[in-house]
Amino acid sequence: MLKPDQRAWLTPENVYMMCFRPLVATAFTANAKKWHERLAHVNPQYVMDTVKKGAVWGIPVEQLNGEFHCESCETGKAKRKPFTARKESRDTFPGEMVHADLAGKMPVPSLGGANYFLLLKDDGTGFRMVYFLKYKDQTADCIQEYVNFMQTQTGKPL
């Protein structure tokens, strides 16, 4: 026979029997805001729908109906103000202006062993070319290759 402080016992057939009882915890007495925080700031309507569908029990639906203000959600969902629009547009010809961005050293090399990348963008056409570099000193060769490519494509010097 199971004693009140026992959770398992060995039967005469040498099988362990476990006794499980549902827990009745006082944690379910939290208000809607507390549940919102415990569930990683999930939408309160989602919690209410989950309770109504029977996927969760122990959360009183009446507590979920209340409106509340969550400062953390407000801060996390805030958007920065947009940049001011450019007044004039630049009319450049292909090859007239090229923008370059060299990034790296990356914390993990690519599958090919590259630690850096060089992005070159033609302002006139928007054409972009990316070079993956193992070493920074390969940059000059890549720029020369890009210049030769653009001169071949446009028929004009860069």
N, C-alpha and C. Protein backbone atom coordinates (compact mmCIF):
# COMPACT_ATOMS: atom_id res chain seq x y z
N MET A 1 0.84 -1.19 0.00
CA MET A 1 0.00 0.00 0.00
C MET A 1 0.88 1.24 0.00
N LEU A 2 0.42 2.28 -0.67
CA LEU A 2 1.17 3.51 -0.80
C LEU A 2 0.98 4.39 0.42
N LYS A 3 2.09 4.80 1.00
CA LYS A 3 2.04 5.72 2.13
C LYS A 3 1.92 7.14 1.59
N PRO A 4 1.42 8.09 2.38
CA PRO A 4 1.22 9.47 1.89
C PRO A 4 2.49 10.13 1.36
N ASP A 5 3.65 9.80 1.90
CA ASP A 5 4.87 10.46 1.44
C ASP A 5 5.58 9.67 0.34
N GLN A 6 4.99 8.53 -0.08
CA GLN A 6 5.60 7.72 -1.13
C GLN A 6 5.09 8.16 -2.50
N ARG A 7 6.00 8.15 -3.48
CA ARG A 7 5.60 8.46 -4.85
C ARG A 7 5.77 7.23 -5.75
N ALA A 8 6.49 6.22 -5.25
CA ALA A 8 6.69 4.99 -6.02
C ALA A 8 6.87 3.82 -5.07
N TRP A 9 6.53 2.65 -5.53
CA TRP A 9 6.74 1.46 -4.74
C TRP A 9 6.97 0.27 -5.67
N LEU A 10 7.51 -0.79 -5.12
CA LEU A 10 7.81 -2.00 -5.87
C LEU A 10 6.72 -3.01 -5.63
N THR A 11 6.14 -3.53 -6.70
CA THR A 11 5.06 -4.53 -6.59
C THR A 11 5.68 -5.91 -6.36
N PRO A 12 4.87 -6.88 -5.97
CA PRO A 12 5.40 -8.25 -5.80
C PRO A 12 5.99 -8.83 -7.08
N GLU A 13 5.58 -8.29 -8.25
CA GLU A 13 6.13 -8.77 -9.52
C GLU A 13 7.42 -8.04 -9.90
N ASN A 14 8.01 -7.29 -8.97
CA ASN A 14 9.22 -6.51 -9.20
C ASN A 14 9.04 -5.43 -10.26
N VAL A 15 7.90 -4.78 -10.27
CA VAL A 15 7.61 -3.67 -11.18
C VAL A 15 7.42 -2.42 -10.33
N TYR A 16 8.10 -1.37 -10.69
CA TYR A 16 7.90 -0.11 -9.96
C TYR A 16 6.62 0.56 -10.42
N MET A 17 5.82 0.99 -9.48
CA MET A 17 4.58 1.71 -9.76
C MET A 17 4.79 3.15 -9.32
N MET A 18 4.40 4.07 -10.16
CA MET A 18 4.55 5.49 -9.85
C MET A 18 3.17 6.08 -9.61
N CYS A 19 3.11 6.99 -8.68
CA CYS A 19 1.85 7.67 -8.37
C CYS A 19 2.02 9.14 -8.74
N PHE A 20 1.24 9.58 -9.71
CA PHE A 20 1.30 10.98 -10.13
C PHE A 20 -0.01 11.65 -9.76
N ARG A 21 0.11 12.86 -9.25
CA ARG A 21 -1.06 13.66 -8.93
C ARG A 21 -0.91 15.00 -9.63
N PRO A 22 -2.00 15.53 -10.15
CA PRO A 22 -1.89 16.85 -10.78
C PRO A 22 -1.54 17.90 -9.74
N LEU A 23 -0.64 18.78 -10.10
CA LEU A 23 -0.25 19.85 -9.19
C LEU A 23 -1.28 20.97 -9.21
N VAL A 24 -1.58 21.44 -8.05
CA VAL A 24 -2.43 22.62 -7.94
C VAL A 24 -1.52 23.71 -7.38
N ALA A 25 -1.14 24.62 -8.26
CA ALA A 25 -0.17 25.62 -7.87
C ALA A 25 -0.82 26.98 -7.74
N THR A 26 -0.22 27.81 -6.95
CA THR A 26 -0.73 29.18 -6.80
C THR A 26 -0.20 30.08 -7.90
N ALA A 27 0.63 29.53 -8.79
CA ALA A 27 1.19 30.35 -9.88
C ALA A 27 0.11 30.80 -10.84
N PHE A 28 -1.03 30.09 -10.85
CA PHE A 28 -2.09 30.43 -11.79
C PHE A 28 -2.91 31.63 -11.35
N THR A 29 -2.57 32.22 -10.25
CA THR A 29 -3.35 33.36 -9.77
C THR A 29 -2.81 34.68 -10.32
N ALA A 30 -1.85 34.61 -11.23
CA ALA A 30 -1.26 35.82 -11.78
C ALA A 30 -2.26 36.53 -12.69
N ASN A 31 -2.08 37.83 -12.82
CA ASN A 31 -2.97 38.60 -13.68
C ASN A 31 -2.53 38.50 -15.15
N ALA A 32 -3.29 39.14 -16.02
CA ALA A 32 -3.04 39.04 -17.46
C ALA A 32 -1.67 39.57 -17.83
N LYS A 33 -1.25 40.66 -17.23
CA LYS A 33 0.05 41.23 -17.56
C LYS A 33 1.17 40.27 -17.18
N LYS A 34 1.04 39.61 -16.04
CA LYS A 34 2.05 38.66 -15.59
C LYS A 34 2.15 37.49 -16.58
N TRP A 35 0.99 36.99 -17.06
CA TRP A 35 1.01 35.91 -18.04
C TRP A 35 1.62 36.39 -19.35
N HIS A 36 1.33 37.60 -19.72
CA HIS A 36 1.90 38.19 -20.93
C HIS A 36 3.43 38.20 -20.81
N GLU A 37 3.96 38.56 -19.66
CA GLU A 37 5.41 38.60 -19.45
C GLU A 37 6.00 37.19 -19.38
N ARG A 38 5.33 36.28 -18.68
CA ARG A 38 5.83 34.90 -18.55
C ARG A 38 5.89 34.18 -19.89
N LEU A 39 5.00 34.54 -20.79
CA LEU A 39 4.95 33.88 -22.10
C LEU A 39 5.69 34.68 -23.16
N ALA A 40 6.75 35.36 -22.74
CA ALA A 40 7.66 36.08 -23.62
C ALA A 40 6.97 37.21 -24.38
N HIS A 41 6.06 37.91 -23.68
CA HIS A 41 5.38 39.09 -24.22
C HIS A 41 4.54 38.76 -25.46
N VAL A 42 3.91 37.60 -25.42
CA VAL A 42 3.06 37.18 -26.53
C VAL A 42 1.77 38.02 -26.51
N ASN A 43 1.13 38.12 -27.66
CA ASN A 43 -0.11 38.87 -27.79
C ASN A 43 -1.16 38.29 -26.83
N PRO A 44 -1.80 39.11 -25.99
CA PRO A 44 -2.80 38.59 -25.04
C PRO A 44 -3.95 37.86 -25.73
N GLN A 45 -4.30 38.27 -26.93
CA GLN A 45 -5.38 37.59 -27.66
C GLN A 45 -4.98 36.16 -27.98
N TYR A 46 -3.71 35.94 -28.26
CA TYR A 46 -3.22 34.59 -28.54
C TYR A 46 -3.36 33.70 -27.30
N VAL A 47 -3.03 34.23 -26.14
CA VAL A 47 -3.17 33.46 -24.89
C VAL A 47 -4.64 33.12 -24.66
N MET A 48 -5.52 34.11 -24.87
CA MET A 48 -6.95 33.89 -24.66
C MET A 48 -7.47 32.81 -25.61
N ASP A 49 -7.06 32.87 -26.88
CA ASP A 49 -7.50 31.86 -27.85
C ASP A 49 -6.99 30.47 -27.45
N THR A 50 -5.75 30.40 -26.95
CA THR A 50 -5.18 29.13 -26.52
C THR A 50 -5.95 28.54 -25.36
N VAL A 51 -6.35 29.38 -24.41
CA VAL A 51 -7.14 28.92 -23.26
C VAL A 51 -8.51 28.45 -23.72
N LYS A 52 -9.15 29.21 -24.60
CA LYS A 52 -10.49 28.86 -25.09
C LYS A 52 -10.49 27.55 -25.87
N LYS A 53 -9.40 27.26 -26.58
CA LYS A 53 -9.30 26.02 -27.36
C LYS A 53 -9.02 24.81 -26.48
N GLY A 54 -8.70 25.05 -25.21
CA GLY A 54 -8.44 23.95 -24.28
C GLY A 54 -7.01 23.46 -24.32
N ALA A 55 -6.11 24.18 -24.99
CA ALA A 55 -4.72 23.76 -25.06
C ALA A 55 -3.98 24.04 -23.76
N VAL A 56 -4.54 24.92 -22.94
CA VAL A 56 -3.95 25.28 -21.65
C VAL A 56 -5.08 25.31 -20.64
N TRP A 57 -4.84 24.81 -19.45
CA TRP A 57 -5.84 24.92 -18.41
C TRP A 57 -5.21 25.56 -17.18
N GLY A 58 -6.04 26.12 -16.36
CA GLY A 58 -5.56 26.73 -15.13
C GLY A 58 -5.42 28.24 -15.21
N ILE A 59 -5.56 28.82 -16.40
CA ILE A 59 -5.50 30.27 -16.54
C ILE A 59 -6.93 30.77 -16.66
N PRO A 60 -7.43 31.52 -15.68
CA PRO A 60 -8.80 32.02 -15.76
C PRO A 60 -8.96 33.01 -16.92
N VAL A 61 -9.93 32.77 -17.79
CA VAL A 61 -10.17 33.62 -18.96
C VAL A 61 -10.54 35.03 -18.53
N GLU A 62 -11.21 35.17 -17.39
CA GLU A 62 -11.63 36.50 -16.92
C GLU A 62 -10.42 37.40 -16.72
N GLN A 63 -9.30 36.82 -16.31
CA GLN A 63 -8.10 37.62 -16.06
C GLN A 63 -7.44 38.08 -17.35
N LEU A 64 -7.73 37.40 -18.45
CA LEU A 64 -7.10 37.75 -19.71
C LEU A 64 -7.84 38.86 -20.45
N ASN A 65 -9.06 39.14 -20.02
CA ASN A 65 -9.85 40.16 -20.71
C ASN A 65 -9.39 41.58 -20.42
N GLY A 66 -8.67 41.78 -19.34
CA GLY A 66 -8.27 43.12 -18.94
C GLY A 66 -7.22 43.72 -19.85
N GLU A 67 -7.34 44.99 -20.12
CA GLU A 67 -6.34 45.71 -20.91
C GLU A 67 -5.21 46.14 -19.98
N PHE A 68 -4.01 46.18 -20.50
CA PHE A 68 -2.87 46.61 -19.71
C PHE A 68 -1.85 47.25 -20.63
N HIS A 69 -0.94 47.98 -20.02
CA HIS A 69 0.11 48.67 -20.76
C HIS A 69 1.44 47.96 -20.51
N CYS A 70 2.12 47.56 -21.56
CA CYS A 70 3.41 46.89 -21.42
C CYS A 70 4.48 47.79 -22.03
N GLU A 71 5.27 48.40 -21.18
CA GLU A 71 6.32 49.32 -21.63
C GLU A 71 7.39 48.60 -22.45
N SER A 72 7.71 47.35 -22.09
CA SER A 72 8.73 46.59 -22.82
C SER A 72 8.30 46.35 -24.26
N CYS A 73 7.03 46.00 -24.46
CA CYS A 73 6.54 45.77 -25.82
C CYS A 73 6.54 47.06 -26.62
N GLU A 74 6.16 48.14 -25.98
CA GLU A 74 6.12 49.43 -26.64
C GLU A 74 7.51 49.84 -27.11
N THR A 75 8.50 49.64 -26.26
CA THR A 75 9.88 49.98 -26.61
C THR A 75 10.40 49.07 -27.72
N GLY A 76 10.10 47.79 -27.62
CA GLY A 76 10.58 46.83 -28.61
C GLY A 76 9.96 46.99 -29.98
N LYS A 77 8.76 47.51 -30.05
CA LYS A 77 8.07 47.66 -31.33
C LYS A 77 8.20 49.07 -31.90
N ALA A 78 8.94 49.92 -31.19
CA ALA A 78 9.11 51.30 -31.67
C ALA A 78 9.96 51.30 -32.93
N LYS A 79 9.65 52.21 -33.81
CA LYS A 79 10.39 52.35 -35.06
C LYS A 79 11.09 53.69 -35.07
N ARG A 80 12.26 53.72 -35.67
CA ARG A 80 12.95 54.99 -35.77
C ARG A 80 12.31 55.84 -36.86
N LYS A 81 12.52 57.11 -36.77
CA LYS A 81 11.97 58.02 -37.77
C LYS A 81 12.69 57.81 -39.09
N PRO A 82 11.99 57.95 -40.21
CA PRO A 82 12.63 57.73 -41.50
C PRO A 82 13.66 58.81 -41.82
N PHE A 83 14.60 58.45 -42.65
CA PHE A 83 15.57 59.44 -43.11
C PHE A 83 14.87 60.44 -44.02
N THR A 84 15.39 61.64 -44.06
CA THR A 84 14.79 62.65 -44.94
C THR A 84 15.05 62.25 -46.38
N ALA A 85 14.07 62.50 -47.22
CA ALA A 85 14.17 62.14 -48.62
C ALA A 85 15.20 63.03 -49.32
N ARG A 86 15.88 62.46 -50.28
CA ARG A 86 16.86 63.20 -51.04
C ARG A 86 16.13 64.17 -51.97
N LYS A 87 16.58 65.39 -52.00
CA LYS A 87 15.91 66.42 -52.80
C LYS A 87 16.20 66.23 -54.28
N GLU A 88 17.47 66.07 -54.64
CA GLU A 88 17.81 65.93 -56.05
C GLU A 88 18.29 64.52 -56.32
N SER A 89 18.04 64.07 -57.50
CA SER A 89 18.53 62.75 -57.87
C SER A 89 19.83 62.93 -58.65
N ARG A 90 20.72 62.00 -58.46
CA ARG A 90 21.98 62.07 -59.18
C ARG A 90 21.79 61.38 -60.52
N ASP A 91 22.09 62.08 -61.56
CA ASP A 91 22.05 61.49 -62.89
C ASP A 91 23.48 61.20 -63.30
N THR A 92 23.87 59.96 -63.14
CA THR A 92 25.23 59.57 -63.50
C THR A 92 25.16 58.56 -64.63
N PHE A 93 26.18 58.56 -65.43
CA PHE A 93 26.30 57.63 -66.53
C PHE A 93 26.92 56.34 -66.02
N PRO A 94 26.69 55.22 -66.70
CA PRO A 94 27.33 53.97 -66.30
C PRO A 94 28.85 54.13 -66.24
N GLY A 95 29.44 53.77 -65.13
CA GLY A 95 30.88 53.86 -64.95
C GLY A 95 31.38 55.19 -64.45
N GLU A 96 30.50 56.18 -64.33
CA GLU A 96 30.93 57.51 -63.88
C GLU A 96 31.25 57.53 -62.39
N MET A 97 30.46 56.81 -61.60
CA MET A 97 30.68 56.77 -60.15
C MET A 97 30.46 55.34 -59.66
N VAL A 98 31.42 54.85 -58.89
CA VAL A 98 31.34 53.50 -58.35
C VAL A 98 31.49 53.58 -56.84
N HIS A 99 30.60 52.90 -56.12
CA HIS A 99 30.66 52.84 -54.66
C HIS A 99 31.29 51.50 -54.28
N ALA A 100 32.12 51.52 -53.23
CA ALA A 100 32.80 50.30 -52.79
C ALA A 100 32.60 50.11 -51.29
N ASP A 101 32.49 48.84 -50.90
CA ASP A 101 32.38 48.49 -49.49
C ASP A 101 33.20 47.23 -49.26
N LEU A 102 34.22 47.34 -48.42
CA LEU A 102 35.05 46.20 -48.05
C LEU A 102 34.70 45.83 -46.62
N ALA A 103 34.24 44.61 -46.40
CA ALA A 103 33.80 44.19 -45.07
C ALA A 103 34.59 42.97 -44.62
N GLY A 104 34.87 42.91 -43.34
CA GLY A 104 35.56 41.77 -42.75
C GLY A 104 36.45 42.27 -41.64
N LYS A 105 37.13 41.48 -41.05
CA LYS A 105 37.31 40.05 -41.11
C LYS A 105 36.13 39.38 -40.42
N MET A 106 35.55 38.41 -41.13
CA MET A 106 34.40 37.70 -40.61
C MET A 106 34.84 36.73 -39.52
N PRO A 107 33.99 36.52 -38.51
CA PRO A 107 34.36 35.61 -37.42
C PRO A 107 34.52 34.16 -37.87
N VAL A 108 33.79 33.79 -38.94
CA VAL A 108 33.87 32.42 -39.45
C VAL A 108 34.12 32.51 -40.96
N PRO A 109 35.16 31.88 -41.47
CA PRO A 109 35.42 31.93 -42.92
C PRO A 109 34.31 31.23 -43.69
N SER A 110 34.13 31.63 -44.96
CA SER A 110 33.13 30.99 -45.82
C SER A 110 33.59 29.58 -46.17
N LEU A 111 32.74 28.84 -46.88
CA LEU A 111 33.12 27.49 -47.28
C LEU A 111 34.36 27.50 -48.16
N GLY A 112 34.53 28.57 -48.94
CA GLY A 112 35.72 28.69 -49.78
C GLY A 112 36.92 29.27 -49.06
N GLY A 113 36.77 29.62 -47.79
CA GLY A 113 37.87 30.15 -47.00
C GLY A 113 37.97 31.66 -46.99
N ALA A 114 36.96 32.36 -47.54
CA ALA A 114 37.01 33.83 -47.59
C ALA A 114 36.71 34.42 -46.22
N ASN A 115 37.48 35.44 -45.87
CA ASN A 115 37.28 36.14 -44.61
C ASN A 115 36.73 37.55 -44.81
N TYR A 116 36.75 38.04 -46.06
CA TYR A 116 36.32 39.39 -46.38
C TYR A 116 35.43 39.34 -47.61
N PHE A 117 34.66 40.42 -47.85
CA PHE A 117 34.01 40.57 -49.13
C PHE A 117 34.10 42.01 -49.57
N LEU A 118 34.15 42.19 -50.88
CA LEU A 118 34.22 43.52 -51.49
C LEU A 118 32.99 43.66 -52.37
N LEU A 119 32.20 44.69 -52.11
CA LEU A 119 31.01 44.97 -52.91
C LEU A 119 31.28 46.24 -53.70
N LEU A 120 31.11 46.17 -55.01
CA LEU A 120 31.27 47.33 -55.89
C LEU A 120 29.95 47.56 -56.60
N LYS A 121 29.47 48.83 -56.58
CA LYS A 121 28.18 49.16 -57.18
C LYS A 121 28.34 50.35 -58.11
N ASP A 122 27.85 50.17 -59.32
CA ASP A 122 27.84 51.26 -60.29
C ASP A 122 26.64 52.15 -60.00
N ASP A 123 26.88 53.45 -59.80
CA ASP A 123 25.81 54.38 -59.44
C ASP A 123 24.83 54.60 -60.59
N GLY A 124 25.32 54.61 -61.81
CA GLY A 124 24.46 54.89 -62.95
C GLY A 124 23.48 53.78 -63.27
N THR A 125 23.91 52.53 -63.15
CA THR A 125 23.05 51.40 -63.51
C THR A 125 22.53 50.63 -62.31
N GLY A 126 23.20 50.77 -61.18
CA GLY A 126 22.82 49.99 -60.00
C GLY A 126 23.42 48.59 -60.03
N PHE A 127 24.22 48.29 -61.05
CA PHE A 127 24.86 46.98 -61.17
C PHE A 127 25.81 46.76 -60.00
N ARG A 128 25.74 45.58 -59.40
CA ARG A 128 26.60 45.25 -58.25
C ARG A 128 27.40 44.00 -58.55
N MET A 129 28.61 43.98 -58.01
CA MET A 129 29.45 42.80 -58.12
C MET A 129 30.10 42.57 -56.76
N VAL A 130 30.11 41.32 -56.33
CA VAL A 130 30.69 40.96 -55.04
C VAL A 130 31.88 40.04 -55.27
N TYR A 131 32.96 40.34 -54.56
CA TYR A 131 34.16 39.50 -54.58
C TYR A 131 34.38 38.99 -53.16
N PHE A 132 34.67 37.70 -53.05
CA PHE A 132 34.97 37.10 -51.76
C PHE A 132 36.48 36.93 -51.65
N LEU A 133 37.05 37.49 -50.61
CA LEU A 133 38.51 37.56 -50.48
C LEU A 133 39.00 36.77 -49.26
N LYS A 134 40.10 36.07 -49.45
CA LYS A 134 40.72 35.40 -48.30
C LYS A 134 41.55 36.41 -47.51
N TYR A 135 42.16 37.36 -48.25
CA TYR A 135 43.03 38.36 -47.62
C TYR A 135 42.67 39.74 -48.15
N LYS A 136 42.86 40.75 -47.32
CA LYS A 136 42.55 42.13 -47.71
C LYS A 136 43.40 42.61 -48.87
N ASP A 137 44.62 42.12 -48.96
CA ASP A 137 45.50 42.62 -50.02
C ASP A 137 45.08 42.17 -51.42
N GLN A 138 44.02 41.39 -51.54
CA GLN A 138 43.47 41.00 -52.85
C GLN A 138 42.53 42.08 -53.40
N THR A 139 42.24 43.11 -52.60
CA THR A 139 41.28 44.14 -52.98
C THR A 139 41.66 44.86 -54.26
N ALA A 140 42.90 45.28 -54.39
CA ALA A 140 43.33 46.04 -55.57
C ALA A 140 43.13 45.24 -56.85
N ASP A 141 43.43 43.93 -56.80
CA ASP A 141 43.25 43.09 -57.99
C ASP A 141 41.77 43.00 -58.37
N CYS A 142 40.91 42.91 -57.38
CA CYS A 142 39.47 42.82 -57.64
C CYS A 142 38.94 44.12 -58.24
N ILE A 143 39.43 45.24 -57.76
CA ILE A 143 38.99 46.53 -58.30
C ILE A 143 39.44 46.65 -59.76
N GLN A 144 40.67 46.24 -60.06
CA GLN A 144 41.16 46.29 -61.44
C GLN A 144 40.32 45.38 -62.34
N GLU A 145 39.97 44.21 -61.83
CA GLU A 145 39.11 43.28 -62.59
C GLU A 145 37.75 43.91 -62.86
N TYR A 146 37.18 44.60 -61.86
CA TYR A 146 35.88 45.27 -62.02
C TYR A 146 35.98 46.39 -63.06
N VAL A 147 37.04 47.18 -63.00
CA VAL A 147 37.23 48.27 -63.96
C VAL A 147 37.31 47.70 -65.38
N ASN A 148 38.09 46.66 -65.57
CA ASN A 148 38.21 46.03 -66.90
C ASN A 148 36.86 45.50 -67.36
N PHE A 149 36.12 44.86 -66.47
CA PHE A 149 34.80 44.31 -66.80
C PHE A 149 33.86 45.43 -67.25
N MET A 150 33.79 46.51 -66.48
CA MET A 150 32.86 47.61 -66.80
C MET A 150 33.26 48.30 -68.11
N GLN A 151 34.56 48.43 -68.36
CA GLN A 151 35.00 49.05 -69.61
C GLN A 151 34.61 48.17 -70.80
N THR A 152 34.72 46.85 -70.62
CA THR A 152 34.32 45.95 -71.69
C THR A 152 32.82 46.02 -71.94
N GLN A 153 32.03 46.09 -70.87
CA GLN A 153 30.57 46.09 -71.00
C GLN A 153 30.03 47.41 -71.54
N THR A 154 30.61 48.53 -71.11
CA THR A 154 30.06 49.84 -71.51
C THR A 154 30.79 50.43 -72.72
N GLY A 155 32.01 49.98 -72.99
CA GLY A 155 32.78 50.54 -74.08
C GLY A 155 33.36 51.91 -73.73
N LYS A 156 33.30 52.31 -72.49
CA LYS A 156 33.81 53.62 -72.05
C LYS A 156 34.75 53.39 -70.87
N PRO A 157 35.73 54.30 -70.71
CA PRO A 157 36.62 54.16 -69.55
C PRO A 157 35.89 54.51 -68.25
N LEU A 158 36.29 53.87 -67.19
CA LEU A 158 35.67 54.13 -65.89
C LEU A 158 36.26 55.41 -65.31
